[in-house]
Amino acid sequence: MRTRKSARAGQYLALLAYLVFLAFPFLWLISTAFKPARELGSLHPTWIPKDPTLANFRQAFDEQPLLDAALNSLIAAVGAAVIAVLIATPMAYVMARHRTRLAKAATGWVVVSQAFPFVLVIIPLFLVLKNLRLINSLPGLIMVYVVWALPFALWMLVGYVRAVPTELEEAAAVDGAGKVRTLVSITAPLLAPGIVATALFAFISAWNEFFFALVLLKTPEKQTLPVVLTHFLGAEGVADLGPLAAAAFLATLPSLVVFAVIQKRITGGMLAGAVKS
């Protein structure tokens, strides 16, 4: 019993240490965002600002078009999440229910595609979008985000589809429902936690993405928030730390709010009681 209690205490301690490790950058970011310039230059930094101020936030909005950039990021992230889910859901259903060689090959493509770094694909991607006249446009950026999020979205949704009991679909077929009707009326509602989790992944990935947005968007009015944050760096690479921290803090809030709102749907367990034995 003592050994079990010690092991459990060690697990909780390790978990606490991991949470502190994850939370430290965000807490330090919040602290920095509310510090005045004299505290930012102090040789003895403190966790809690001695004289908290909102001047960094005012300066950040005065120096850069944060609201326009946030709107661009929101359009790109929401568009990528919605389109990726709409494409991935029927594809995942086919891959999960029909385990053919083509489905296995698609699964292999999902795994392999995640290994390619951005640098290897940016040149051919740029040429393709140039031929389609989608350079320096949000639709072109959304297309890139959808393609990049689709493999992982498929991998996630395939697991959720396989967890849906086939007895439900067989019962729907007996009642005369076709494949499309079964997918829309029976399977899709039971996949709600998986769809929400997949959409959340696609949204956060697109919201935080920097490299593609930097290369594909040229005019300032079309740039996304991660790209605009780099404008707080001077020509010599010196950061305007206070406004940068304030803008970065505001940029992290949407992801946190979205996750806080829909986390219950992810863990809701909507399959519970779907089939009675």
Protein backbone atom coordinates (compact mmCIF):
# COMPACT_ATOMS: atom_id res chain seq x y z
CA MET A 1 0.00 0.00 0.00
CA ARG A 2 2.81 2.40 0.84
CA THR A 3 4.48 1.60 -2.47
CA ARG A 4 1.27 2.38 -4.37
CA LYS A 5 0.76 5.64 -2.48
CA SER A 6 4.36 6.65 -3.14
CA ALA A 7 4.02 5.84 -6.83
CA ARG A 8 0.80 7.81 -7.09
CA ALA A 9 2.34 10.76 -5.24
CA GLY A 10 5.28 10.64 -7.64
CA GLN A 11 2.91 10.66 -10.62
CA TYR A 12 1.02 13.67 -9.28
CA LEU A 13 4.30 15.45 -8.58
CA ALA A 14 5.53 14.78 -12.11
CA LEU A 15 2.23 15.99 -13.52
CA LEU A 16 2.41 19.16 -11.44
CA ALA A 17 5.97 19.81 -12.60
CA TYR A 18 4.88 19.33 -16.21
CA LEU A 19 1.98 21.76 -15.79
CA VAL A 20 4.31 24.35 -14.26
CA PHE A 21 6.71 23.84 -17.17
CA LEU A 22 3.90 24.45 -19.67
CA ALA A 23 2.40 27.40 -17.82
CA PHE A 24 5.67 29.28 -17.16
CA PRO A 25 6.02 30.93 -20.62
CA PHE A 26 2.40 32.06 -20.66
CA LEU A 27 2.52 33.46 -17.11
CA TRP A 28 5.76 35.27 -17.86
CA LEU A 29 4.17 36.67 -21.04
CA ILE A 30 1.24 38.06 -19.04
CA SER A 31 3.59 39.57 -16.49
CA THR A 32 5.70 41.20 -19.19
CA ALA A 33 2.65 42.61 -20.97
CA PHE A 34 1.65 44.65 -17.91
CA LYS A 35 5.12 45.88 -16.91
CA PRO A 36 6.18 49.47 -17.58
CA ALA A 37 9.36 50.14 -19.56
CA ARG A 38 11.52 50.76 -16.47
CA GLU A 39 10.61 47.35 -15.01
CA LEU A 40 11.31 45.61 -18.32
CA GLY A 41 14.85 46.99 -18.24
CA SER A 42 15.44 46.07 -14.60
CA LEU A 43 18.32 43.76 -13.70
CA HIS A 44 16.14 42.10 -11.08
CA PRO A 45 12.93 40.98 -12.83
CA THR A 46 9.86 40.17 -10.77
CA TRP A 47 6.91 37.89 -11.40
CA ILE A 48 4.24 40.43 -10.47
CA PRO A 49 4.56 43.96 -11.93
CA LYS A 50 5.16 46.52 -9.21
CA ASP A 51 3.38 49.22 -11.20
CA PRO A 52 1.08 47.47 -13.71
CA THR A 53 0.11 49.50 -16.75
CA LEU A 54 -1.92 49.22 -19.95
CA ALA A 55 0.50 51.42 -21.88
CA ASN A 56 1.97 48.41 -23.70
CA PHE A 57 -1.45 47.49 -25.07
CA ARG A 58 -2.16 51.04 -26.22
CA GLN A 59 1.25 51.26 -27.86
CA ALA A 60 0.77 47.90 -29.59
CA PHE A 61 -2.51 49.01 -31.16
CA ASP A 62 -1.03 52.37 -32.12
CA GLU A 63 2.01 50.86 -33.83
CA GLN A 64 0.44 47.94 -35.72
CA PRO A 65 -2.99 47.12 -37.24
CA LEU A 66 -3.69 44.30 -34.80
CA LEU A 67 -7.47 44.25 -35.31
CA ASP A 68 -7.19 43.91 -39.09
CA ALA A 69 -4.55 41.21 -38.70
CA ALA A 70 -6.69 39.36 -36.15
CA LEU A 71 -9.64 39.47 -38.55
CA ASN A 72 -7.48 38.02 -41.33
CA SER A 73 -6.30 35.25 -39.00
CA LEU A 74 -9.86 34.53 -37.92
CA ILE A 75 -11.09 34.25 -41.51
CA ALA A 76 -8.21 31.95 -42.45
CA ALA A 77 -8.53 29.78 -39.34
CA VAL A 78 -12.31 29.38 -39.43
CA GLY A 79 -12.31 28.77 -43.18
CA ALA A 80 -9.59 26.14 -42.91
CA ALA A 81 -11.30 24.38 -39.99
CA VAL A 82 -14.72 24.23 -41.66
CA ILE A 83 -13.45 23.07 -45.05
CA ALA A 84 -11.06 20.51 -43.56
CA VAL A 85 -13.85 18.96 -41.49
CA LEU A 86 -16.28 18.89 -44.44
CA ILE A 87 -13.71 17.10 -46.59
CA ALA A 88 -12.24 14.82 -43.94
CA THR A 89 -15.52 13.46 -42.50
CA PRO A 90 -16.75 11.49 -45.53
CA MET A 91 -13.19 10.47 -46.44
CA ALA A 92 -12.61 9.14 -42.92
CA TYR A 93 -15.88 7.22 -43.07
CA VAL A 94 -14.82 5.47 -46.28
CA MET A 95 -11.33 4.71 -44.96
CA ALA A 96 -12.72 3.29 -41.70
CA ARG A 97 -15.55 1.22 -43.14
CA HIS A 98 -13.86 -0.07 -46.31
CA ARG A 99 -10.39 -1.34 -45.42
CA THR A 100 -9.12 -1.84 -48.95
CA ARG A 101 -5.61 -1.41 -50.30
CA LEU A 102 -6.50 2.11 -51.33
CA ALA A 103 -7.55 2.91 -47.76
CA LYS A 104 -4.30 1.47 -46.43
CA ALA A 105 -2.35 3.52 -48.96
CA ALA A 106 -4.23 6.64 -47.88
CA THR A 107 -3.37 5.89 -44.27
CA GLY A 108 0.28 5.59 -45.21
CA TRP A 109 0.06 8.92 -47.01
CA VAL A 110 -1.34 10.49 -43.85
CA VAL A 111 1.67 9.33 -41.84
CA VAL A 112 4.30 10.17 -44.47
CA SER A 113 2.89 13.62 -45.25
CA GLN A 114 3.44 14.74 -41.67
CA ALA A 115 7.19 14.14 -42.03
CA PHE A 116 7.76 16.75 -44.76
CA PRO A 117 9.11 20.10 -43.49
CA PHE A 118 7.59 23.33 -44.73
CA VAL A 119 10.77 24.37 -46.57
CA LEU A 120 10.59 21.42 -48.98
CA VAL A 121 7.09 22.24 -50.22
CA ILE A 122 7.03 26.03 -50.18
CA ILE A 123 8.58 26.55 -53.65
CA PRO A 124 6.28 24.19 -55.61
CA LEU A 125 3.37 25.40 -53.52
CA PHE A 126 4.19 29.00 -54.35
CA LEU A 127 4.36 28.18 -58.08
CA VAL A 128 1.01 26.36 -57.99
CA LEU A 129 -0.72 29.24 -56.22
CA LYS A 130 0.91 31.71 -58.60
CA ASN A 131 -0.54 29.87 -61.60
CA LEU A 132 -3.94 29.90 -59.88
CA ARG A 133 -3.53 33.63 -59.14
CA LEU A 134 -3.99 33.01 -55.43
CA ILE A 135 -0.75 34.55 -54.18
CA ASN A 136 -1.32 37.35 -51.66
CA SER A 137 -4.91 36.30 -50.98
CA LEU A 138 -6.72 34.77 -48.03
CA PRO A 139 -8.44 32.11 -50.20
CA GLY A 140 -5.03 30.88 -51.30
CA LEU A 141 -3.82 30.79 -47.70
CA ILE A 142 -6.96 28.93 -46.61
CA MET A 143 -6.35 26.36 -49.35
CA VAL A 144 -2.83 25.78 -48.04
CA TYR A 145 -4.05 25.41 -44.46
CA VAL A 146 -6.73 22.91 -45.51
CA VAL A 147 -4.21 20.76 -47.38
CA TRP A 148 -1.81 20.87 -44.45
CA ALA A 149 -4.46 20.04 -41.83
CA LEU A 150 -6.26 17.37 -43.85
CA PRO A 151 -3.92 14.39 -43.19
CA PHE A 152 -4.05 14.75 -39.42
CA ALA A 153 -7.79 15.47 -39.55
CA LEU A 154 -8.30 12.21 -41.45
CA TRP A 155 -6.17 10.29 -38.97
CA MET A 156 -8.21 11.63 -36.06
CA LEU A 157 -11.62 11.06 -37.60
CA VAL A 158 -10.85 7.53 -38.79
CA GLY A 159 -10.40 6.50 -35.16
CA TYR A 160 -13.70 8.12 -34.16
CA VAL A 161 -15.57 6.48 -37.05
CA ARG A 162 -14.26 3.05 -36.08
CA ALA A 163 -15.58 3.64 -32.56
CA VAL A 164 -19.13 4.06 -33.88
CA PRO A 165 -20.94 0.69 -33.62
CA THR A 166 -21.72 -0.78 -37.03
CA GLU A 167 -25.00 -2.12 -35.59
CA LEU A 168 -26.44 1.39 -35.79
CA GLU A 169 -25.68 1.66 -39.49
CA GLU A 170 -27.02 -1.82 -40.15
CA ALA A 171 -30.26 -0.91 -38.38
CA ALA A 172 -30.53 2.24 -40.49
CA ALA A 173 -29.98 0.18 -43.66
CA VAL A 174 -32.76 -2.20 -42.62
CA ASP A 175 -35.06 0.81 -42.25
CA GLY A 176 -34.22 1.83 -45.83
CA ALA A 177 -31.67 4.58 -45.25
CA GLY A 178 -28.96 4.98 -47.87
CA LYS A 179 -25.26 5.54 -47.28
CA VAL A 180 -25.50 9.32 -47.42
CA ARG A 181 -28.56 9.42 -45.15
CA THR A 182 -26.86 7.07 -42.69
CA LEU A 183 -23.72 9.22 -42.62
CA VAL A 184 -25.64 12.47 -42.13
CA SER A 185 -28.36 11.31 -39.73
CA ILE A 186 -26.71 8.49 -37.77
CA THR A 187 -22.93 8.59 -37.93
CA ALA A 188 -22.24 12.32 -38.06
CA PRO A 189 -24.12 13.19 -34.82
CA LEU A 190 -22.22 10.46 -32.98
CA LEU A 191 -18.98 11.84 -34.39
CA ALA A 192 -19.63 15.28 -32.88
CA PRO A 193 -16.80 15.05 -30.27
CA GLY A 194 -14.34 13.94 -32.95
CA ILE A 195 -15.49 16.60 -35.40
CA VAL A 196 -15.17 19.29 -32.75
CA ALA A 197 -11.69 18.10 -31.76
CA THR A 198 -10.59 18.00 -35.40
CA ALA A 199 -11.98 21.47 -36.08
CA LEU A 200 -10.20 22.76 -32.98
CA PHE A 201 -6.90 21.31 -34.20
CA ALA A 202 -7.32 22.86 -37.65
CA PHE A 203 -8.34 26.22 -36.17
CA ILE A 204 -5.41 26.46 -33.75
CA SER A 205 -2.91 25.28 -36.38
CA ALA A 206 -4.10 27.92 -38.84
CA TRP A 207 -4.36 30.65 -36.20
CA ASN A 208 -0.77 30.15 -35.03
CA GLU A 209 0.80 29.40 -38.43
CA PHE A 210 3.55 31.80 -39.49
CA PHE A 211 5.74 30.48 -42.31
CA PHE A 212 3.14 30.07 -45.07
CA ALA A 213 1.51 33.39 -44.20
CA LEU A 214 4.89 35.14 -44.31
CA VAL A 215 5.72 33.78 -47.77
CA LEU A 216 2.31 33.96 -49.43
CA LEU A 217 0.96 37.28 -48.11
CA LYS A 218 2.78 40.39 -49.24
CA THR A 219 0.59 43.45 -48.64
CA PRO A 220 0.30 44.60 -45.01
CA GLU A 221 -3.51 44.77 -45.04
CA LYS A 222 -3.75 41.03 -45.79
CA GLN A 223 -1.17 39.77 -43.29
CA THR A 224 -2.20 37.57 -40.40
CA LEU A 225 -1.54 38.16 -36.73
CA PRO A 226 1.63 36.00 -36.34
CA VAL A 227 3.26 37.91 -39.21
CA VAL A 228 2.28 41.30 -37.80
CA LEU A 229 3.84 40.36 -34.45
CA THR A 230 7.25 40.26 -36.14
CA HIS A 231 6.90 43.97 -36.90
CA PHE A 232 7.65 44.71 -33.26
CA LEU A 233 11.25 43.66 -33.97
CA GLY A 234 13.58 46.47 -34.93
CA ALA A 235 16.00 46.53 -37.84
CA GLU A 236 18.78 45.28 -35.60
CA GLY A 237 16.63 42.49 -34.20
CA VAL A 238 15.92 44.32 -30.94
CA ALA A 239 12.39 43.60 -29.76
CA ASP A 240 10.02 46.24 -28.47
CA LEU A 241 9.37 43.87 -25.60
CA GLY A 242 6.42 45.49 -23.84
CA PRO A 243 4.13 45.99 -26.89
CA LEU A 244 5.27 42.65 -28.30
CA ALA A 245 4.28 40.83 -25.11
CA ALA A 246 0.94 42.65 -25.00
CA ALA A 247 0.15 41.79 -28.64
CA ALA A 248 1.28 38.19 -28.19
CA PHE A 249 -0.91 37.84 -25.11
CA LEU A 250 -3.94 39.07 -27.05
CA ALA A 251 -3.06 36.69 -29.89
CA THR A 252 -3.20 33.67 -27.58
CA LEU A 253 -6.62 34.49 -26.12
CA PRO A 254 -8.82 33.25 -29.02
CA SER A 255 -7.30 29.76 -28.92
CA LEU A 256 -7.78 29.58 -25.16
CA VAL A 257 -11.36 30.82 -25.36
CA VAL A 258 -12.29 28.40 -28.15
CA PHE A 259 -10.80 25.47 -26.26
CA ALA A 260 -12.50 26.47 -23.00
CA VAL A 261 -15.90 26.72 -24.71
CA ILE A 262 -15.85 23.40 -26.57
CA GLN A 263 -13.77 21.19 -24.29
CA LYS A 264 -16.91 19.55 -22.88
CA ARG A 265 -17.94 18.49 -26.36
CA ILE A 266 -14.58 16.80 -26.87
CA THR A 267 -14.90 14.70 -23.72
CA GLY A 268 -18.66 14.40 -23.74
CA GLY A 269 -18.74 10.73 -24.63
CA MET A 270 -21.78 10.99 -26.88
CA LEU A 271 -21.50 7.30 -27.75
CA ALA A 272 -22.43 6.28 -24.20
CA GLY A 273 -25.64 4.26 -24.27
CA ALA A 274 -25.97 4.38 -28.05
CA VAL A 275 -26.25 0.59 -28.24
CA LYS A 276 -28.02 -1.55 -25.71
CA SER A 277 -26.85 -5.09 -25.32
